[in-house]
Amino acid sequence: ILAEPLFVLDLDNNKFKNIEKLSKKITKNGKQIKLADFKAEF
């Protein structure tokens, strides 16, 4: 649990921008689709 918010600091320290914590899954066309933890720009 703690690894993820602390990892946000690593991303920020390494100049990643627009960091977003994603939901574990989204629903598309009635189907649940698993996602990664984050998206970010570099």
Full PDB file with SEQRES, HELIX, SHEET, SSBOND, CRYST1, ORIGX, SCALE, CONECT and MASTER records, all heavy atoms in Angstrom:
SEQRES   1 A   42  ILE LEU ALA GLU PRO LEU PHE VAL LEU ASP LEU ASP ASN          
SEQRES   2 A   42  ASN LYS PHE LYS ASN ILE GLU LYS LEU SER LYS LYS ILE          
SEQRES   3 A   42  THR LYS ASN GLY LYS GLN ILE LYS LEU ALA ASP PHE LYS          
SEQRES   4 A   42  ALA GLU PHE                                                  
HELIX    1 AA1 ALA A    3  ASN A   13  1                                  11    
SHEET    1 AA1 2 LYS A  17  LYS A  21  0                                        
SHEET    2 AA1 2 PHE A  38  GLU A  41 -1                                        
SHEET    1 AA2 2 LYS A  25  LYS A  28  0                                        
SHEET    2 AA2 2 LYS A  31  LYS A  34 -1                                        
CRYST1    1.000    1.000    1.000  90.00  90.00  90.00 P 1           1          
ORIGX1      1.000000  0.000000  0.000000        0.00000                         
ORIGX2      0.000000  1.000000  0.000000        0.00000                         
ORIGX3      0.000000  0.000000  1.000000        0.00000                         
SCALE1      1.000000  0.000000  0.000000        0.00000                         
SCALE2      0.000000  1.000000  0.000000        0.00000                         
SCALE3      0.000000  0.000000  1.000000        0.00000                         
ATOM      1  N   ILE A   1       0.827  -1.202   0.000  1.00  0.00           N  
ATOM      2  CA  ILE A   1       0.000   0.000   0.000  1.00  0.00           C  
ATOM      3  C   ILE A   1       0.870   1.264   0.000  1.00  0.00           C  
ATOM      4  O   ILE A   1       0.622   2.205  -0.758  1.00  0.00           O  
ATOM      5  CB  ILE A   1      -0.938   0.008   1.230  1.00  0.00           C  
ATOM      6  CG1 ILE A   1      -1.962  -1.137   1.139  1.00  0.00           C  
ATOM      7  CG2 ILE A   1      -1.654   1.352   1.359  1.00  0.00           C  
ATOM      8  CD1 ILE A   1      -2.959  -1.014   0.021  1.00  0.00           C  
ATOM      9  N   LEU A   2       1.905   1.278   0.820  1.00  0.00           N  
ATOM     10  CA  LEU A   2       2.750   2.461   0.924  1.00  0.00           C  
ATOM     11  C   LEU A   2       3.671   2.637  -0.284  1.00  0.00           C  
ATOM     12  O   LEU A   2       4.072   3.760  -0.606  1.00  0.00           O  
ATOM     13  CB  LEU A   2       3.602   2.399   2.198  1.00  0.00           C  
ATOM     14  CG  LEU A   2       2.875   2.726   3.497  1.00  0.00           C  
ATOM     15  CD1 LEU A   2       3.809   2.526   4.686  1.00  0.00           C  
ATOM     16  CD2 LEU A   2       2.348   4.152   3.484  1.00  0.00           C  
ATOM     17  N   ALA A   3       4.004   1.539  -0.944  1.00  0.00           N  
ATOM     18  CA  ALA A   3       4.943   1.621  -2.070  1.00  0.00           C  
ATOM     19  C   ALA A   3       4.442   2.561  -3.166  1.00  0.00           C  
ATOM     20  O   ALA A   3       5.234   3.305  -3.752  1.00  0.00           O  
ATOM     21  CB  ALA A   3       5.188   0.223  -2.643  1.00  0.00           C  
ATOM     22  N   GLU A   4       3.145   2.532  -3.434  1.00  0.00           N  
ATOM     23  CA  GLU A   4       2.616   3.326  -4.555  1.00  0.00           C  
ATOM     24  C   GLU A   4       2.693   4.841  -4.323  1.00  0.00           C  
ATOM     25  O   GLU A   4       3.228   5.563  -5.175  1.00  0.00           O  
ATOM     26  CB  GLU A   4       1.195   2.877  -4.901  1.00  0.00           C  
ATOM     27  CG  GLU A   4       1.171   1.496  -5.533  1.00  0.00           C  
ATOM     28  CD  GLU A   4      -0.188   1.118  -6.081  1.00  0.00           C  
ATOM     29  OE1 GLU A   4      -1.143   1.916  -5.932  1.00  0.00           O  
ATOM     30  OE2 GLU A   4      -0.311   0.037  -6.673  1.00  0.00           O  
ATOM     31  N   PRO A   5       2.176   5.375  -3.210  1.00  0.00           N  
ATOM     32  CA  PRO A   5       2.320   6.829  -3.032  1.00  0.00           C  
ATOM     33  C   PRO A   5       3.778   7.264  -2.902  1.00  0.00           C  
ATOM     34  O   PRO A   5       4.145   8.359  -3.353  1.00  0.00           O  
ATOM     35  CB  PRO A   5       1.526   7.125  -1.755  1.00  0.00           C  
ATOM     36  CG  PRO A   5       1.322   5.812  -1.085  1.00  0.00           C  
ATOM     37  CD  PRO A   5       1.328   4.774  -2.168  1.00  0.00           C  
ATOM     38  N   LEU A   6       4.627   6.428  -2.321  1.00  0.00           N  
ATOM     39  CA  LEU A   6       6.044   6.785  -2.221  1.00  0.00           C  
ATOM     40  C   LEU A   6       6.702   6.751  -3.598  1.00  0.00           C  
ATOM     41  O   LEU A   6       7.628   7.528  -3.883  1.00  0.00           O  
ATOM     42  CB  LEU A   6       6.755   5.846  -1.246  1.00  0.00           C  
ATOM     43  CG  LEU A   6       6.279   5.931   0.211  1.00  0.00           C  
ATOM     44  CD1 LEU A   6       7.051   4.955   1.090  1.00  0.00           C  
ATOM     45  CD2 LEU A   6       6.397   7.354   0.757  1.00  0.00           C  
ATOM     46  N   PHE A   7       6.225   5.872  -4.465  1.00  0.00           N  
ATOM     47  CA  PHE A   7       6.736   5.813  -5.834  1.00  0.00           C  
ATOM     48  C   PHE A   7       6.396   7.077  -6.613  1.00  0.00           C  
ATOM     49  O   PHE A   7       7.145   7.492  -7.505  1.00  0.00           O  
ATOM     50  CB  PHE A   7       6.163   4.570  -6.532  1.00  0.00           C  
ATOM     51  CG  PHE A   7       6.666   4.358  -7.928  1.00  0.00           C  
ATOM     52  CD1 PHE A   7       8.008   4.130  -8.177  1.00  0.00           C  
ATOM     53  CD2 PHE A   7       5.791   4.376  -9.001  1.00  0.00           C  
ATOM     54  CE1 PHE A   7       8.474   3.930  -9.468  1.00  0.00           C  
ATOM     55  CE2 PHE A   7       6.245   4.176 -10.298  1.00  0.00           C  
ATOM     56  CZ  PHE A   7       7.591   3.945 -10.533  1.00  0.00           C  
ATOM     57  N   VAL A   8       5.270   7.705  -6.275  1.00  0.00           N  
ATOM     58  CA  VAL A   8       4.899   8.973  -6.908  1.00  0.00           C  
ATOM     59  C   VAL A   8       6.017  10.005  -6.693  1.00  0.00           C  
ATOM     60  O   VAL A   8       6.349  10.780  -7.595  1.00  0.00           O  
ATOM     61  CB  VAL A   8       3.562   9.495  -6.331  1.00  0.00           C  
ATOM     62  CG1 VAL A   8       3.294  10.937  -6.774  1.00  0.00           C  
ATOM     63  CG2 VAL A   8       2.415   8.596  -6.763  1.00  0.00           C  
ATOM     64  N   LEU A   9       6.623   9.990  -5.516  1.00  0.00           N  
ATOM     65  CA  LEU A   9       7.721  10.908  -5.233  1.00  0.00           C  
ATOM     66  C   LEU A   9       8.925  10.606  -6.120  1.00  0.00           C  
ATOM     67  O   LEU A   9       9.601  11.527  -6.596  1.00  0.00           O  
ATOM     68  CB  LEU A   9       8.134  10.814  -3.761  1.00  0.00           C  
ATOM     69  CG  LEU A   9       7.043  11.066  -2.718  1.00  0.00           C  
ATOM     70  CD1 LEU A   9       7.643  11.045  -1.323  1.00  0.00           C  
ATOM     71  CD2 LEU A   9       6.342  12.377  -2.961  1.00  0.00           C  
ATOM     72  N   ASP A  10       9.193   9.323  -6.354  1.00  0.00           N  
ATOM     73  CA  ASP A  10      10.297   8.944  -7.250  1.00  0.00           C  
ATOM     74  C   ASP A  10      10.038   9.452  -8.665  1.00  0.00           C  
ATOM     75  O   ASP A  10      10.943   9.960  -9.333  1.00  0.00           O  
ATOM     76  CB  ASP A  10      10.473   7.426  -7.279  1.00  0.00           C  
ATOM     77  CG  ASP A  10      11.013   6.877  -5.968  1.00  0.00           C  
ATOM     78  OD1 ASP A  10      11.759   7.606  -5.291  1.00  0.00           O  
ATOM     79  OD2 ASP A  10      10.690   5.731  -5.632  1.00  0.00           O  
ATOM     80  N   LEU A  11       8.814   9.283  -9.140  1.00  0.00           N  
ATOM     81  CA  LEU A  11       8.474   9.765 -10.476  1.00  0.00           C  
ATOM     82  C   LEU A  11       8.673  11.280 -10.563  1.00  0.00           C  
ATOM     83  O   LEU A  11       9.261  11.797 -11.517  1.00  0.00           O  
ATOM     84  CB  LEU A  11       7.026   9.400 -10.822  1.00  0.00           C  
ATOM     85  CG  LEU A  11       6.730   7.918 -11.057  1.00  0.00           C  
ATOM     86  CD1 LEU A  11       5.224   7.704 -11.206  1.00  0.00           C  
ATOM     87  CD2 LEU A  11       7.472   7.390 -12.269  1.00  0.00           C  
ATOM     88  N   ASP A  12       8.181  11.987  -9.570  1.00  0.00           N  
ATOM     89  CA  ASP A  12       8.305  13.442  -9.563  1.00  0.00           C  
ATOM     90  C   ASP A  12       9.775  13.864  -9.489  1.00  0.00           C  
ATOM     91  O   ASP A  12      10.206  14.780 -10.204  1.00  0.00           O  
ATOM     92  CB  ASP A  12       7.529  14.016  -8.374  1.00  0.00           C  
ATOM     93  CG  ASP A  12       7.539  15.535  -8.344  1.00  0.00           C  
ATOM     94  OD1 ASP A  12       6.938  16.151  -9.239  1.00  0.00           O  
ATOM     95  OD2 ASP A  12       8.168  16.106  -7.426  1.00  0.00           O  
ATOM     96  N   ASN A  13      10.547  13.192  -8.649  1.00  0.00           N  
ATOM     97  CA  ASN A  13      11.971  13.515  -8.518  1.00  0.00           C  
ATOM     98  C   ASN A  13      12.742  13.263  -9.809  1.00  0.00           C  
ATOM     99  O   ASN A  13      13.791  13.866 -10.043  1.00  0.00           O  
ATOM    100  CB  ASN A  13      12.603  12.710  -7.384  1.00  0.00           C  
ATOM    101  CG  ASN A  13      12.140  13.165  -6.013  1.00  0.00           C  
ATOM    102  OD1 ASN A  13      11.684  14.295  -5.848  1.00  0.00           O  
ATOM    103  ND2 ASN A  13      12.231  12.291  -5.029  1.00  0.00           N  
ATOM    104  N   ASN A  14      12.224  12.365 -10.638  1.00  0.00           N  
ATOM    105  CA  ASN A  14      12.882  12.038 -11.903  1.00  0.00           C  
ATOM    106  C   ASN A  14      12.238  12.749 -13.093  1.00  0.00           C  
ATOM    107  O   ASN A  14      12.340  12.302 -14.229  1.00  0.00           O  
ATOM    108  CB  ASN A  14      12.891  10.519 -12.115  1.00  0.00           C  
ATOM    109  CG  ASN A  14      13.939   9.835 -11.252  1.00  0.00           C  
ATOM    110  OD1 ASN A  14      15.128   9.866 -11.553  1.00  0.00           O  
ATOM    111  ND2 ASN A  14      13.497   9.236 -10.151  1.00  0.00           N  
ATOM    112  N   LYS A  15      11.550  13.869 -12.781  1.00  0.00           N  
ATOM    113  CA  LYS A  15      11.041  14.791 -13.803  1.00  0.00           C  
ATOM    114  C   LYS A  15       9.860  14.262 -14.618  1.00  0.00           C  
ATOM    115  O   LYS A  15       9.604  14.731 -15.725  1.00  0.00           O  
ATOM    116  CB  LYS A  15      12.159  15.223 -14.773  1.00  0.00           C  
ATOM    117  CG  LYS A  15      13.436  15.684 -14.104  1.00  0.00           C  
ATOM    118  CD  LYS A  15      13.205  16.871 -13.190  1.00  0.00           C  
ATOM    119  CE  LYS A  15      14.529  17.345 -12.565  1.00  0.00           C  
ATOM    120  NZ  LYS A  15      14.312  18.384 -11.532  1.00  0.00           N  
ATOM    121  N   PHE A  16       9.129  13.271 -14.096  1.00  0.00           N  
ATOM    122  CA  PHE A  16       7.884  12.869 -14.738  1.00  0.00           C  
ATOM    123  C   PHE A  16       6.825  13.918 -14.425  1.00  0.00           C  
ATOM    124  O   PHE A  16       6.808  14.495 -13.328  1.00  0.00           O  
ATOM    125  CB  PHE A  16       7.427  11.490 -14.242  1.00  0.00           C  
ATOM    126  CG  PHE A  16       8.110  10.341 -14.909  1.00  0.00           C  
ATOM    127  CD1 PHE A  16       9.388   9.940 -14.506  1.00  0.00           C  
ATOM    128  CD2 PHE A  16       7.506   9.649 -15.946  1.00  0.00           C  
ATOM    129  CE1 PHE A  16      10.029   8.880 -15.127  1.00  0.00           C  
ATOM    130  CE2 PHE A  16       8.136   8.587 -16.569  1.00  0.00           C  
ATOM    131  CZ  PHE A  16       9.410   8.202 -16.159  1.00  0.00           C  
ATOM    132  N   LYS A  17       5.936  14.144 -15.369  1.00  0.00           N  
ATOM    133  CA  LYS A  17       4.890  15.149 -15.225  1.00  0.00           C  
ATOM    134  C   LYS A  17       3.517  14.501 -15.400  1.00  0.00           C  
ATOM    135  O   LYS A  17       3.397  13.391 -15.925  1.00  0.00           O  
ATOM    136  CB  LYS A  17       5.058  16.253 -16.284  1.00  0.00           C  
ATOM    137  CG  LYS A  17       6.425  16.924 -16.291  1.00  0.00           C  
ATOM    138  CD  LYS A  17       6.681  17.684 -15.002  1.00  0.00           C  
ATOM    139  CE  LYS A  17       8.032  18.382 -15.040  1.00  0.00           C  
ATOM    140  NZ  LYS A  17       8.364  19.013 -13.751  1.00  0.00           N  
ATOM    141  N   ASN A  18       2.482  15.227 -14.997  1.00  0.00           N  
ATOM    142  CA  ASN A  18       1.087  14.755 -15.157  1.00  0.00           C  
ATOM    143  C   ASN A  18       0.919  13.312 -14.679  1.00  0.00           C  
ATOM    144  O   ASN A  18       0.337  12.471 -15.362  1.00  0.00           O  
ATOM    145  CB  ASN A  18       0.649  14.892 -16.617  1.00  0.00           C  
ATOM    146  CG  ASN A  18       0.686  16.337 -17.087  1.00  0.00           C  
ATOM    147  OD1 ASN A  18       0.275  17.235 -16.374  1.00  0.00           O  
ATOM    148  ND2 ASN A  18       1.198  16.564 -18.288  1.00  0.00           N  
ATOM    149  N   ILE A  19       1.430  13.052 -13.505  1.00  0.00           N  
ATOM    150  CA  ILE A  19       1.333  11.718 -12.909  1.00  0.00           C  
ATOM    151  C   ILE A  19      -0.098  11.491 -12.441  1.00  0.00           C  
ATOM    152  O   ILE A  19      -0.687  12.345 -11.780  1.00  0.00           O  
ATOM    153  CB  ILE A  19       2.300  11.590 -11.714  1.00  0.00           C  
ATOM    154  CG1 ILE A  19       3.735  11.922 -12.149  1.00  0.00           C  
ATOM    155  CG2 ILE A  19       2.228  10.195 -11.108  1.00  0.00           C  
ATOM    156  CD1 ILE A  19       4.673  12.224 -10.992  1.00  0.00           C  
ATOM    157  N   GLU A  20      -0.651  10.347 -12.785  1.00  0.00           N  
ATOM    158  CA  GLU A  20      -2.031  10.036 -12.380  1.00  0.00           C  
ATOM    159  C   GLU A  20      -2.110   8.601 -11.878  1.00  0.00           C  
ATOM    160  O   GLU A  20      -1.657   7.670 -12.538  1.00  0.00           O  
ATOM    161  CB  GLU A  20      -2.992  10.225 -13.542  1.00  0.00           C  
ATOM    162  CG  GLU A  20      -4.454   9.973 -13.165  1.00  0.00           C  
ATOM    163  CD  GLU A  20      -5.414  10.182 -14.314  1.00  0.00           C  
ATOM    164  OE1 GLU A  20      -5.036  10.833 -15.311  1.00  0.00           O  
ATOM    165  OE2 GLU A  20      -6.552   9.668 -14.231  1.00  0.00           O  
ATOM    166  N   LYS A  21      -2.684   8.439 -10.688  1.00  0.00           N  
ATOM    167  CA  LYS A  21      -2.958   7.108 -10.150  1.00  0.00           C  
ATOM    168  C   LYS A  21      -4.258   6.618 -10.776  1.00  0.00           C  
ATOM    169  O   LYS A  21      -5.300   7.267 -10.668  1.00  0.00           O  
ATOM    170  CB  LYS A  21      -3.086   7.186  -8.627  1.00  0.00           C  
ATOM    171  CG  LYS A  21      -3.633   5.927  -7.970  1.00  0.00           C  
ATOM    172  CD  LYS A  21      -2.664   4.778  -8.054  1.00  0.00           C  
ATOM    173  CE  LYS A  21      -3.212   3.586  -7.258  1.00  0.00           C  
ATOM    174  NZ  LYS A  21      -3.184   2.339  -8.028  1.00  0.00           N  
ATOM    175  N   LEU A  22      -4.193   5.480 -11.457  1.00  0.00           N  
ATOM    176  CA  LEU A  22      -5.356   4.961 -12.177  1.00  0.00           C  
ATOM    177  C   LEU A  22      -6.176   4.010 -11.316  1.00  0.00           C  
ATOM    178  O   LEU A  22      -5.659   3.406 -10.373  1.00  0.00           O  
ATOM    179  CB  LEU A  22      -4.899   4.237 -13.445  1.00  0.00           C  
ATOM    180  CG  LEU A  22      -4.093   5.075 -14.439  1.00  0.00           C  
ATOM    181  CD1 LEU A  22      -3.595   4.207 -15.584  1.00  0.00           C  
ATOM    182  CD2 LEU A  22      -4.930   6.233 -14.975  1.00  0.00           C  
ATOM    183  N   SER A  23      -7.441   3.864 -11.673  1.00  0.00           N  
ATOM    184  CA  SER A  23      -8.273   2.827 -11.048  1.00  0.00           C  
ATOM    185  C   SER A  23      -7.752   1.464 -11.468  1.00  0.00           C  
ATOM    186  O   SER A  23      -7.092   1.324 -12.503  1.00  0.00           O  
ATOM    187  CB  SER A  23      -9.734   2.986 -11.494  1.00  0.00           C  
ATOM    188  OG  SER A  23     -10.226   4.252 -11.138  1.00  0.00           O  
ATOM    189  N   LYS A  24      -8.037   0.451 -10.657  1.00  0.00           N  
ATOM    190  CA  LYS A  24      -7.539  -0.887 -10.977  1.00  0.00           C  
ATOM    191  C   LYS A  24      -8.134  -1.430 -12.273  1.00  0.00           C  
ATOM    192  O   LYS A  24      -7.519  -2.210 -12.972  1.00  0.00           O  
ATOM    193  CB  LYS A  24      -7.841  -1.847  -9.825  1.00  0.00           C  
ATOM    194  CG  LYS A  24      -7.013  -1.551  -8.576  1.00  0.00           C  
ATOM    195  CD  LYS A  24      -7.178  -2.634  -7.559  1.00  0.00           C  
ATOM    196  CE  LYS A  24      -6.322  -2.369  -6.338  1.00  0.00           C  
ATOM    197  NZ  LYS A  24      -4.892  -2.344  -6.634  1.00  0.00           N  
ATOM    198  N   LYS A  25      -9.353  -0.996 -12.577  1.00  0.00           N  
ATOM    199  CA  LYS A  25      -9.986  -1.453 -13.815  1.00  0.00           C  
ATOM    200  C   LYS A  25     -11.060  -0.468 -14.240  1.00  0.00           C  
ATOM    201  O   LYS A  25     -11.564   0.321 -13.429  1.00  0.00           O  
ATOM    202  CB  LYS A  25     -10.560  -2.857 -13.659  1.00  0.00           C  
ATOM    203  CG  LYS A  25     -11.424  -3.074 -12.448  1.00  0.00           C  
ATOM    204  CD  LYS A  25     -11.636  -4.546 -12.199  1.00  0.00           C  
ATOM    205  CE  LYS A  25     -12.188  -4.814 -10.817  1.00  0.00           C  
ATOM    206  NZ  LYS A  25     -12.262  -6.216 -10.492  1.00  0.00           N  
ATOM    207  N   ILE A  26     -11.399  -0.526 -15.503  1.00  0.00           N  
ATOM    208  CA  ILE A  26     -12.498   0.270 -16.034  1.00  0.00           C  
ATOM    209  C   ILE A  26     -13.472  -0.673 -16.741  1.00  0.00           C  
ATOM    210  O   ILE A  26     -13.104  -1.807 -17.089  1.00  0.00           O  
ATOM    211  CB  ILE A  26     -12.003   1.354 -17.021  1.00  0.00           C  
ATOM    212  CG1 ILE A  26     -11.217   0.710 -18.178  1.00  0.00           C  
ATOM    213  CG2 ILE A  26     -11.171   2.401 -16.317  1.00  0.00           C  
ATOM    214  CD1 ILE A  26     -10.819   1.698 -19.259  1.00  0.00           C  
ATOM    215  N   THR A  27     -14.679  -0.201 -16.945  1.00  0.00           N  
ATOM    216  CA  THR A  27     -15.670  -1.012 -17.651  1.00  0.00           C  
ATOM    217  C   THR A  27     -15.866  -0.447 -19.057  1.00  0.00           C  
ATOM    218  O   THR A  27     -16.142   0.744 -19.221  1.00  0.00           O  
ATOM    219  CB  THR A  27     -17.006  -1.013 -16.899  1.00  0.00           C  
ATOM    220  OG1 THR A  27     -16.792  -1.525 -15.579  1.00  0.00           O  
ATOM    221  CG2 THR A  27     -18.030  -1.887 -17.613  1.00  0.00           C  
ATOM    222  N   LYS A  28     -15.684  -1.297 -20.039  1.00  0.00           N  
ATOM    223  CA  LYS A  28     -15.824  -0.887 -21.446  1.00  0.00           C  
ATOM    224  C   LYS A  28     -16.700  -1.915 -22.149  1.00  0.00           C  
ATOM    225  O   LYS A  28     -16.404  -3.106 -22.159  1.00  0.00           O  
ATOM    226  CB  LYS A  28     -14.446  -0.832 -22.095  1.00  0.00           C  
ATOM    227  CG  LYS A  28     -14.384  -0.039 -23.377  1.00  0.00           C  
ATOM    228  CD  LYS A  28     -14.308   1.459 -23.103  1.00  0.00           C  
ATOM    229  CE  LYS A  28     -14.047   2.216 -24.396  1.00  0.00           C  
ATOM    230  NZ  LYS A  28     -14.032   3.650 -24.189  1.00  0.00           N  
ATOM    231  N   ASN A  29     -17.814  -1.446 -22.731  1.00  0.00           N  
ATOM    232  CA  ASN A  29     -18.745  -2.345 -23.421  1.00  0.00           C  
ATOM    233  C   ASN A  29     -19.177  -3.511 -22.531  1.00  0.00           C  
ATOM    234  O   ASN A  29     -19.251  -4.658 -22.966  1.00  0.00           O  
ATOM    235  CB  ASN A  29     -18.118  -2.875 -24.716  1.00  0.00           C  
ATOM    236  CG  ASN A  29     -17.781  -1.761 -25.685  1.00  0.00           C  
ATOM    237  OD1 ASN A  29     -18.507  -0.773 -25.785  1.00  0.00           O  
ATOM    238  ND2 ASN A  29     -16.683  -1.911 -26.403  1.00  0.00           N  
ATOM    239  N   GLY A  30     -19.438  -3.205 -21.259  1.00  0.00           N  
ATOM    240  CA  GLY A  30     -19.906  -4.213 -20.317  1.00  0.00           C  
ATOM    241  C   GLY A  30     -18.830  -5.170 -19.824  1.00  0.00           C  
ATOM    242  O   GLY A  30     -19.121  -6.103 -19.082  1.00  0.00           O  
ATOM    243  N   LYS A  31     -17.581  -4.932 -20.204  1.00  0.00           N  
ATOM    244  CA  LYS A  31     -16.483  -5.809 -19.805  1.00  0.00           C  
ATOM    245  C   LYS A  31     -15.498  -5.050 -18.934  1.00  0.00           C  
ATOM    246  O   LYS A  31     -15.149  -3.906 -19.220  1.00  0.00           O  
ATOM    247  CB  LYS A  31     -15.770  -6.347 -21.052  1.00  0.00           C  
ATOM    248  CG  LYS A  31     -14.635  -7.306 -20.754  1.00  0.00           C  
ATOM    249  CD  LYS A  31     -13.964  -7.757 -22.042  1.00  0.00           C  
ATOM    250  CE  LYS A  31     -12.793  -8.683 -21.741  1.00  0.00           C  
ATOM    251  NZ  LYS A  31     -12.068  -9.081 -22.984  1.00  0.00           N  
ATOM    252  N   GLN A  32     -15.047  -5.692 -17.850  1.00  0.00           N  
ATOM    253  CA  GLN A  32     -14.072  -5.054 -16.973  1.00  0.00           C  
ATOM    254  C   GLN A  32     -12.661  -5.255 -17.529  1.00  0.00           C  
ATOM    255  O   GLN A  32     -12.262  -6.376 -17.852  1.00  0.00           O  
ATOM    256  CB  GLN A  32     -14.162  -5.615 -15.555  1.00  0.00           C  
ATOM    257  CG  GLN A  32     -15.416  -5.157 -14.817  1.00  0.00           C  
ATOM    258  CD  GLN A  32     -15.356  -5.457 -13.346  1.00  0.00           C  
ATOM    259  OE1 GLN A  32     -14.770  -6.438 -12.923  1.00  0.00           O  
ATOM    260  NE2 GLN A  32     -15.981  -4.604 -12.542  1.00  0.00           N  
ATOM    261  N   ILE A  33     -11.933  -4.155 -17.614  1.00  0.00           N  
ATOM    262  CA  ILE A  33     -10.591  -4.192 -18.195  1.00  0.00           C  
ATOM    263  C   ILE A  33      -9.588  -3.733 -17.145  1.00  0.00           C  
ATOM    264  O   ILE A  33      -9.719  -2.636 -16.583  1.00  0.00           O  
ATOM    265  CB  ILE A  33     -10.527  -3.277 -19.437  1.00  0.00           C  
ATOM    266  CG1 ILE A  33     -11.502  -3.803 -20.494  1.00  0.00           C  
ATOM    267  CG2 ILE A  33      -9.110  -3.203 -19.994  1.00  0.00           C  
ATOM    268  CD1 ILE A  33     -11.757  -2.851 -21.622  1.00  0.00           C  
ATOM    269  N   LYS A  34      -8.591  -4.567 -16.872  1.00  0.00           N  
ATOM    270  CA  LYS A  34      -7.583  -4.272 -15.857  1.00  0.00           C  
ATOM    271  C   LYS A  34      -6.577  -3.253 -16.385  1.00  0.00           C  
ATOM    272  O   LYS A  34      -6.158  -3.325 -17.537  1.00  0.00           O  
ATOM    273  CB  LYS A  34      -6.861  -5.555 -15.439  1.00  0.00           C  
ATOM    274  CG  LYS A  34      -7.763  -6.602 -14.808  1.00  0.00           C  
ATOM    275  CD  LYS A  34      -6.974  -7.840 -14.430  1.00  0.00           C  
ATOM    276  CE  LYS A  34      -7.857  -8.883 -13.755  1.00  0.00           C  
ATOM    277  NZ  LYS A  34      -8.806  -9.477 -14.689  1.00  0.00           N  
ATOM    278  N   LEU A  35      -6.179  -2.336 -15.495  1.00  0.00           N  
ATOM    279  CA  LEU A  35      -5.243  -1.282 -15.865  1.00  0.00           C  
ATOM    280  C   LEU A  35      -3.971  -1.347 -15.030  1.00  0.00           C  
ATOM    281  O   LEU A  35      -3.928  -2.000 -13.983  1.00  0.00           O  
ATOM    282  CB  LEU A  35      -5.893   0.090 -15.664  1.00  0.00           C  
ATOM    283  CG  LEU A  35      -7.130   0.410 -16.495  1.00  0.00           C  
ATOM    284  CD1 LEU A  35      -7.684   1.767 -16.081  1.00  0.00           C  
ATOM    285  CD2 LEU A  35      -6.814   0.387 -17.985  1.00  0.00           C  
ATOM    286  N   ALA A  36      -2.951  -0.625 -15.492  1.00  0.00           N  
ATOM    287  CA  ALA A  36      -1.719  -0.476 -14.723  1.00  0.00           C  
ATOM    288  C   ALA A  36      -1.960   0.520 -13.585  1.00  0.00           C  
ATOM    289  O   ALA A  36      -3.025   1.132 -13.493  1.00  0.00           O  
ATOM    290  CB  ALA A  36      -0.598   0.008 -15.644  1.00  0.00           C  
ATOM    291  N   ASP A  37      -0.964   0.701 -12.742  1.00  0.00           N  
ATOM    292  CA  ASP A  37      -1.118   1.568 -11.570  1.00  0.00           C  
ATOM    293  C   ASP A  37      -1.139   3.055 -11.910  1.00  0.00           C  
ATOM    294  O   ASP A  37      -1.884   3.823 -11.310  1.00  0.00           O  
ATOM    295  CB  ASP A  37       0.027   1.309 -10.576  1.00  0.00           C  
ATOM    296  CG  ASP A  37      -0.046  -0.076  -9.968  1.00  0.00           C  
ATOM    297  OD1 ASP A  37      -1.164  -0.520  -9.651  1.00  0.00           O  
ATOM    298  OD2 ASP A  37       1.011  -0.709  -9.800  1.00  0.00           O  
ATOM    299  N   PHE A  38      -0.295   3.453 -12.867  1.00  0.00           N  
ATOM    300  CA  PHE A  38      -0.135   4.871 -13.157  1.00  0.00           C  
ATOM    301  C   PHE A  38      -0.008   5.127 -14.647  1.00  0.00           C  
ATOM    302  O   PHE A  38       0.350   4.237 -15.415  1.00  0.00           O  
ATOM    303  CB  PHE A  38       1.153   5.427 -12.508  1.00  0.00           C  
ATOM    304  CG  PHE A  38       1.227   5.320 -11.032  1.00  0.00           C  
ATOM    305  CD1 PHE A  38       1.852   4.240 -10.432  1.00  0.00           C  
ATOM    306  CD2 PHE A  38       0.690   6.306 -10.225  1.00  0.00           C  
ATOM    307  CE1 PHE A  38       1.941   4.138  -9.054  1.00  0.00           C  
ATOM    308  CE2 PHE A  38       0.773   6.226  -8.836  1.00  0.00           C  
ATOM    309  CZ  PHE A  38       1.399   5.133  -8.261  1.00  0.00           C  
ATOM    310  N   LYS A  39      -0.270   6.375 -15.014  1.00  0.00           N  
ATOM    311  CA  LYS A  39       0.216   6.904 -16.280  1.00  0.00           C  
ATOM    312  C   LYS A  39       0.916   8.215 -15.952  1.00  0.00           C  
ATOM    313  O   LYS A  39       0.549   8.916 -14.994  1.00  0.00           O  
ATOM    314  CB  LYS A  39      -0.894   7.103 -17.298  1.00  0.00           C  
ATOM    315  CG  LYS A  39      -1.935   8.154 -16.978  1.00  0.00           C  
ATOM    316  CD  LYS A  39      -2.971   8.203 -18.094  1.00  0.00           C  
ATOM    317  CE  LYS A  39      -4.080   9.214 -17.813  1.00  0.00           C  
ATOM    318  NZ  LYS A  39      -3.662  10.590 -17.977  1.00  0.00           N  
ATOM    319  N   ALA A  40       1.961   8.513 -16.719  1.00  0.00           N  
ATOM    320  CA  ALA A  40       2.732   9.725 -16.469  1.00  0.00           C  
ATOM    321  C   ALA A  40       3.488  10.092 -17.731  1.00  0.00           C  
ATOM    322  O   ALA A  40       3.688   9.253 -18.618  1.00  0.00           O  
ATOM    323  CB  ALA A  40       3.698   9.507 -15.300  1.00  0.00           C  
ATOM    324  N   GLU A  41       3.911  11.328 -17.805  1.00  0.00           N  
ATOM    325  CA  GLU A  41       4.603  11.812 -19.001  1.00  0.00           C  
ATOM    326  C   GLU A  41       6.046  12.184 -18.681  1.00  0.00           C  
ATOM    327  O   GLU A  41       6.346  12.712 -17.606  1.00  0.00           O  
ATOM    328  CB  GLU A  41       3.864  13.031 -19.560  1.00  0.00           C  
ATOM    329  CG  GLU A  41       2.466  12.691 -20.050  1.00  0.00           C  
ATOM    330  CD  GLU A  41       1.655  13.907 -20.452  1.00  0.00           C  
ATOM    331  OE1 GLU A  41       2.249  15.008 -20.556  1.00  0.00           O  
ATOM    332  OE2 GLU A  41       0.436  13.763 -20.652  1.00  0.00           O  
ATOM    333  N   PHE A  42       6.921  11.887 -19.649  1.00  0.00           N  
ATOM    334  CA  PHE A  42       8.337  12.214 -19.509  1.00  0.00           C  
ATOM    335  C   PHE A  42       8.885  12.618 -20.870  1.00  0.00           C  
ATOM    336  O   PHE A  42       8.846  11.843 -21.818  1.00  0.00           O  
ATOM    337  CB  PHE A  42       9.120  11.008 -18.965  1.00  0.00           C  
ATOM    338  CG  PHE A  42      10.587  11.270 -18.773  1.00  0.00           C  
ATOM    339  CD1 PHE A  42      11.038  12.019 -17.695  1.00  0.00           C  
ATOM    340  CD2 PHE A  42      11.521  10.770 -19.671  1.00  0.00           C  
ATOM    341  CE1 PHE A  42      12.392  12.260 -17.516  1.00  0.00           C  
ATOM    342  CE2 PHE A  42      12.873  11.009 -19.507  1.00  0.00           C  
ATOM    343  CZ  PHE A  42      13.313  11.762 -18.430  1.00  0.00           C  
TER     344      PHE A  42                                                      
MASTER        0    0    0    1    4    0    0    6  343    1    0    4          
END                                                                             
